[in-house]
Amino acid sequence: MTTDLKIGAHVPAADPLSEAKARDAEVIQIFVSNPQQWKKPIPRADAEALRSSGIDVYVHSPYLINLASPNNRVRIPSRKLLAQTVEASALIGAKGVVVHGGSVGADEEVDVGFERWFKALDSFDVTVPVLVENTAGKGNTVMQNLDNYGPLWSAIGDFNVGVCLDTCHTWAAGADLATAVERVTQFTGGIDLIHGNDSKDPFGSHRDRHANFGKGEIPAELILSTIREANAPVVVETPGGAEEQAADIAWLREHL
């Protein structure tokens, strides 16, 4: 069922097509701006080449974005930067823009985050699907509990949205990978992208540290069965450069 899945990696953004070739990747994920800054993405000179390459491109939004923040000085710039990222992603023909769920204030109920997500997506034209990624954290994080896809989708499901499920984050958050796809699908209708990662840390650690396949704590068959069930494109975000990620991609192809 899954041997025709497109498999690839998050690659450096300077020359992503060469990076894809070095990894034998059919799909790539890139940043279109500095992930640690609020700067607006600059139009890419290789936009046409990316659109016509035959390689599916996904964009990961900057890590600073927190659409659920109680702080206006974070929440409002987050909306603006996400809108700019979606616009830049449309120019390169991206299939989706991955965004972390973010976090509410320490003294707030997580439900307020769903309302803030709605206001964010209602503030611009979502021309490229926004893929909400589950996270490994705890406490006031919005998307460490997979069941939160339910109320989140009640709030934003009418927008152009989808799901990015990260295997490391799911494991680290203490969620059962064996049932994760089914749990999320009941709320959202399916998984749009898988971040395929092993984890350096034990189950339920709430630590977001990725590992290469076979070198982490997640049983190999658990990773593979999750990917099979999701039946979505796979992006590995594993350590190392082209050689290490090429080995991870080849491992997935062999075992799937």
Protein backbone atom coordinates (compact mmCIF):
# COMPACT_ATOMS: atom_id res chain seq x y z
CA MET A 1 0.00 0.00 0.00
CA THR A 2 2.76 2.44 0.90
CA THR A 3 5.60 1.61 -1.47
CA ASP A 4 4.58 4.56 -3.68
CA LEU A 5 4.85 7.08 -0.83
CA LYS A 6 6.97 10.10 -1.60
CA ILE A 7 9.88 10.23 0.85
CA GLY A 8 12.39 13.03 1.37
CA ALA A 9 13.97 15.35 3.90
CA HIS A 10 14.22 18.82 5.32
CA VAL A 11 17.16 20.29 3.39
CA PRO A 12 19.25 23.48 3.46
CA ALA A 13 17.49 26.23 1.54
CA ALA A 14 20.42 27.62 -0.46
CA ASP A 15 20.24 25.01 -3.25
CA PRO A 16 17.38 22.67 -2.33
CA LEU A 17 17.19 20.83 -5.65
CA SER A 18 20.85 19.78 -5.44
CA GLU A 19 20.27 18.78 -1.83
CA ALA A 20 17.29 16.68 -2.93
CA LYS A 21 19.40 14.92 -5.55
CA ALA A 22 22.13 14.18 -3.01
CA ARG A 23 19.55 12.43 -0.80
CA ASP A 24 17.52 10.79 -3.60
CA ALA A 25 14.55 12.70 -2.17
CA GLU A 26 11.18 12.90 -3.90
CA VAL A 27 9.94 15.57 -1.50
CA ILE A 28 11.74 18.35 0.34
CA GLN A 29 11.00 20.74 3.16
CA ILE A 30 12.77 24.09 3.45
CA PHE A 31 12.67 27.38 5.30
CA VAL A 32 11.90 30.42 3.15
CA SER A 33 13.28 32.80 5.79
CA ASN A 34 15.52 32.62 8.85
CA PRO A 35 13.66 30.35 11.30
CA GLN A 36 14.93 32.34 14.29
CA GLN A 37 14.04 35.82 13.03
CA TRP A 38 10.91 37.86 12.28
CA LYS A 39 12.19 38.95 8.86
CA LYS A 40 9.88 38.79 5.86
CA PRO A 41 10.81 36.07 3.32
CA ILE A 42 12.71 37.30 0.27
CA PRO A 43 11.42 36.08 -3.14
CA ARG A 44 13.49 33.14 -4.32
CA ALA A 45 15.42 33.31 -7.60
CA ASP A 46 14.82 29.57 -8.09
CA ALA A 47 11.02 29.81 -7.71
CA GLU A 48 10.30 28.64 -11.26
CA ALA A 49 12.84 25.82 -10.99
CA LEU A 50 11.19 24.62 -7.78
CA ARG A 51 7.71 24.80 -9.30
CA SER A 52 8.74 22.78 -12.35
CA SER A 53 11.14 20.32 -10.69
CA GLY A 54 8.69 17.49 -10.13
CA ILE A 55 9.78 17.42 -6.48
CA ASP A 56 7.09 18.23 -3.95
CA VAL A 57 8.09 21.17 -1.77
CA TYR A 58 6.89 21.89 1.75
CA VAL A 59 7.82 24.92 3.83
CA HIS A 60 8.43 24.94 7.57
CA SER A 61 7.43 28.24 9.13
CA PRO A 62 9.84 30.07 11.50
CA TYR A 63 10.09 28.66 15.00
CA LEU A 64 9.27 32.06 16.53
CA ILE A 65 5.66 31.90 15.36
CA ASN A 66 3.20 31.36 18.22
CA LEU A 67 -0.35 32.02 17.07
CA ALA A 68 -1.72 31.08 20.49
CA SER A 69 0.43 33.46 22.54
CA PRO A 70 -1.26 35.76 25.07
CA ASN A 71 1.34 38.42 24.25
CA ASN A 72 0.25 40.79 21.46
CA ARG A 73 3.89 41.48 20.66
CA VAL A 74 4.29 37.83 19.77
CA ARG A 75 0.83 36.86 18.54
CA ILE A 76 0.30 39.71 16.06
CA PRO A 77 3.79 39.48 14.47
CA SER A 78 3.22 35.70 14.29
CA ARG A 79 0.08 36.23 12.22
CA LYS A 80 1.90 38.64 9.94
CA LEU A 81 4.91 36.38 9.46
CA LEU A 82 2.73 33.35 8.78
CA ALA A 83 0.80 35.32 6.14
CA GLN A 84 4.11 36.35 4.54
CA THR A 85 5.39 32.77 4.68
CA VAL A 86 2.24 31.43 3.01
CA GLU A 87 2.56 34.09 0.30
CA ALA A 88 6.22 33.20 -0.32
CA SER A 89 5.35 29.49 -0.31
CA ALA A 90 2.70 29.99 -2.98
CA LEU A 91 5.33 31.52 -5.28
CA ILE A 92 7.41 28.32 -5.20
CA GLY A 93 4.42 26.01 -5.59
CA ALA A 94 4.65 24.60 -2.07
CA LYS A 95 2.20 21.86 -1.08
CA GLY A 96 1.89 23.10 2.50
CA VAL A 97 3.28 25.31 5.25
CA VAL A 98 4.05 23.53 8.52
CA VAL A 99 3.30 25.46 11.72
CA HIS A 100 3.75 24.36 15.33
CA GLY A 101 0.69 24.56 17.56
CA GLY A 102 2.24 27.12 19.89
CA SER A 103 1.36 27.74 23.53
CA VAL A 104 -1.02 29.81 25.62
CA GLY A 105 -0.14 31.63 28.82
CA ALA A 106 0.86 29.63 31.88
CA ASP A 107 -2.32 30.70 33.68
CA GLU A 108 -4.65 30.21 30.70
CA GLU A 109 -6.85 27.34 29.58
CA VAL A 110 -5.64 25.76 26.34
CA ASP A 111 -9.04 26.43 24.74
CA VAL A 112 -8.17 30.09 24.27
CA GLY A 113 -5.47 28.95 21.87
CA PHE A 114 -8.04 27.53 19.46
CA GLU A 115 -9.80 30.90 19.27
CA ARG A 116 -6.48 32.65 18.63
CA TRP A 117 -5.72 30.19 15.83
CA PHE A 118 -9.07 31.05 14.24
CA LYS A 119 -8.34 34.79 14.41
CA ALA A 120 -4.93 34.24 12.87
CA LEU A 121 -6.18 32.27 9.87
CA ASP A 122 -9.12 34.64 9.46
CA SER A 123 -6.70 37.55 9.04
CA PHE A 124 -5.24 36.58 5.65
CA ASP A 125 -5.89 34.52 2.52
CA VAL A 126 -4.65 30.98 3.21
CA THR A 127 -3.59 30.20 -0.37
CA VAL A 128 -1.32 27.30 0.65
CA PRO A 129 -2.54 24.69 3.16
CA VAL A 130 -1.39 25.42 6.70
CA LEU A 131 -0.36 22.10 8.27
CA VAL A 132 -0.65 22.11 12.05
CA GLU A 133 2.14 20.07 13.63
CA ASN A 134 1.85 18.31 16.97
CA THR A 135 4.55 19.14 19.50
CA ALA A 136 6.55 17.39 22.21
CA GLY A 137 6.13 19.91 25.01
CA LYS A 138 3.85 19.91 28.01
CA GLY A 139 1.90 22.28 30.23
CA ASN A 140 0.48 25.18 28.23
CA THR A 141 1.37 23.90 24.75
CA VAL A 142 -1.63 23.69 22.45
CA MET A 143 -0.85 20.60 20.38
CA GLN A 144 1.01 18.11 22.58
CA ASN A 145 -2.35 16.38 23.24
CA LEU A 146 -3.52 14.77 20.00
CA ASP A 147 -7.14 15.03 21.14
CA ASN A 148 -6.79 18.82 20.82
CA TYR A 149 -7.03 18.41 17.05
CA GLY A 150 -10.76 17.99 17.74
CA PRO A 151 -11.56 21.42 19.21
CA LEU A 152 -8.91 23.05 17.02
CA TRP A 153 -10.59 21.70 13.89
CA SER A 154 -13.96 22.85 15.21
CA ALA A 155 -12.43 26.34 15.23
CA ILE A 156 -10.33 26.32 12.02
CA GLY A 157 -11.53 23.35 9.98
CA ASP A 158 -13.26 25.56 7.41
CA PHE A 159 -9.93 27.15 6.47
CA ASN A 160 -7.33 25.63 4.13
CA VAL A 161 -5.67 23.51 6.82
CA GLY A 162 -4.20 20.06 7.30
CA VAL A 163 -2.12 17.96 9.68
CA CYS A 164 1.60 17.34 10.00
CA LEU A 165 2.21 14.45 12.40
CA ASP A 166 5.72 14.14 13.82
CA THR A 167 6.66 10.67 15.09
CA CYS A 168 9.33 11.97 17.49
CA HIS A 169 7.02 14.62 18.91
CA THR A 170 4.22 12.09 19.36
CA TRP A 171 6.54 9.71 21.23
CA ALA A 172 8.09 12.46 23.34
CA ALA A 173 4.67 13.86 24.26
CA GLY A 174 3.69 10.48 25.70
CA ALA A 175 1.06 9.71 23.06
CA ASP A 176 0.56 6.18 21.73
CA LEU A 177 2.05 6.05 18.23
CA ALA A 178 0.09 2.87 17.52
CA THR A 179 -3.19 4.79 17.71
CA ALA A 180 -2.00 8.31 16.81
CA VAL A 181 -3.09 8.31 13.18
CA GLU A 182 -6.53 6.98 14.02
CA ARG A 183 -6.96 9.52 16.84
CA VAL A 184 -6.04 12.48 14.67
CA THR A 185 -7.93 11.28 11.61
CA GLN A 186 -11.22 11.05 13.47
CA PHE A 187 -11.04 14.81 14.01
CA THR A 188 -9.37 16.03 10.83
CA GLY A 189 -10.11 13.45 8.14
CA GLY A 190 -6.51 12.40 7.63
CA ILE A 191 -2.79 13.16 7.79
CA ASP A 192 -1.29 15.41 5.11
CA LEU A 193 2.42 15.11 5.96
CA ILE A 194 4.53 12.92 8.22
CA HIS A 195 7.71 14.11 9.88
CA GLY A 196 9.48 10.78 10.16
CA ASN A 197 11.96 10.94 13.02
CA ASP A 198 13.36 8.62 15.66
CA SER A 199 13.81 10.04 19.18
CA LYS A 200 16.96 10.35 21.28
CA ASP A 201 14.88 10.30 24.46
CA PRO A 202 12.52 7.87 26.21
CA PHE A 203 8.76 7.79 25.77
CA GLY A 204 7.01 10.72 27.44
CA SER A 205 10.22 12.72 27.94
CA HIS A 206 8.74 15.92 26.42
CA ARG A 207 12.14 16.46 24.80
CA ASP A 208 12.24 17.29 21.10
CA ARG A 209 15.51 15.66 20.04
CA HIS A 210 15.44 13.75 16.76
CA ALA A 211 17.57 10.69 16.00
CA ASN A 212 18.41 8.75 12.86
CA PHE A 213 16.39 5.59 12.37
CA GLY A 214 17.67 2.70 14.46
CA LYS A 215 19.72 4.99 16.68
CA GLY A 216 16.90 6.26 18.86
CA GLU A 217 14.36 5.02 21.38
CA ILE A 218 11.31 4.42 19.17
CA PRO A 219 10.84 0.79 18.05
CA ALA A 220 11.40 0.63 14.31
CA GLU A 221 8.14 -1.15 13.54
CA LEU A 222 6.22 1.52 15.45
CA ILE A 223 7.64 4.23 13.19
CA LEU A 224 6.95 2.15 10.08
CA SER A 225 3.40 1.21 11.04
CA THR A 226 2.57 4.85 11.79
CA ILE A 227 3.85 5.91 8.37
CA ARG A 228 1.99 3.09 6.64
CA GLU A 229 -1.28 4.00 8.33
CA ALA A 230 -0.90 7.72 7.65
CA ASN A 231 -0.26 7.03 3.94
CA ALA A 232 1.10 10.57 3.48
CA PRO A 233 4.36 12.04 2.14
CA VAL A 234 7.26 11.62 4.56
CA VAL A 235 9.90 14.21 5.42
CA VAL A 236 12.78 13.11 7.63
CA GLU A 237 14.26 15.77 9.90
CA THR A 238 17.01 13.55 11.20
CA PRO A 239 20.56 14.60 12.23
CA GLY A 240 23.48 14.85 9.87
CA GLY A 241 23.83 15.96 6.28
CA ALA A 242 23.05 14.45 2.92
CA GLU A 243 24.75 11.11 3.63
CA GLU A 244 22.95 10.43 6.89
CA GLN A 245 19.56 11.55 5.60
CA ALA A 246 20.00 9.59 2.38
CA ALA A 247 20.54 6.50 4.54
CA ASP A 248 17.35 7.25 6.49
CA ILE A 249 15.36 7.70 3.26
CA ALA A 250 16.78 4.45 1.87
CA TRP A 251 15.91 2.67 5.12
CA LEU A 252 12.31 3.81 4.89
CA ARG A 253 12.01 2.73 1.26
CA GLU A 254 13.46 -0.67 2.05
CA HIS A 255 11.25 -1.36 5.06
CA LEU A 256 8.02 0.16 3.83
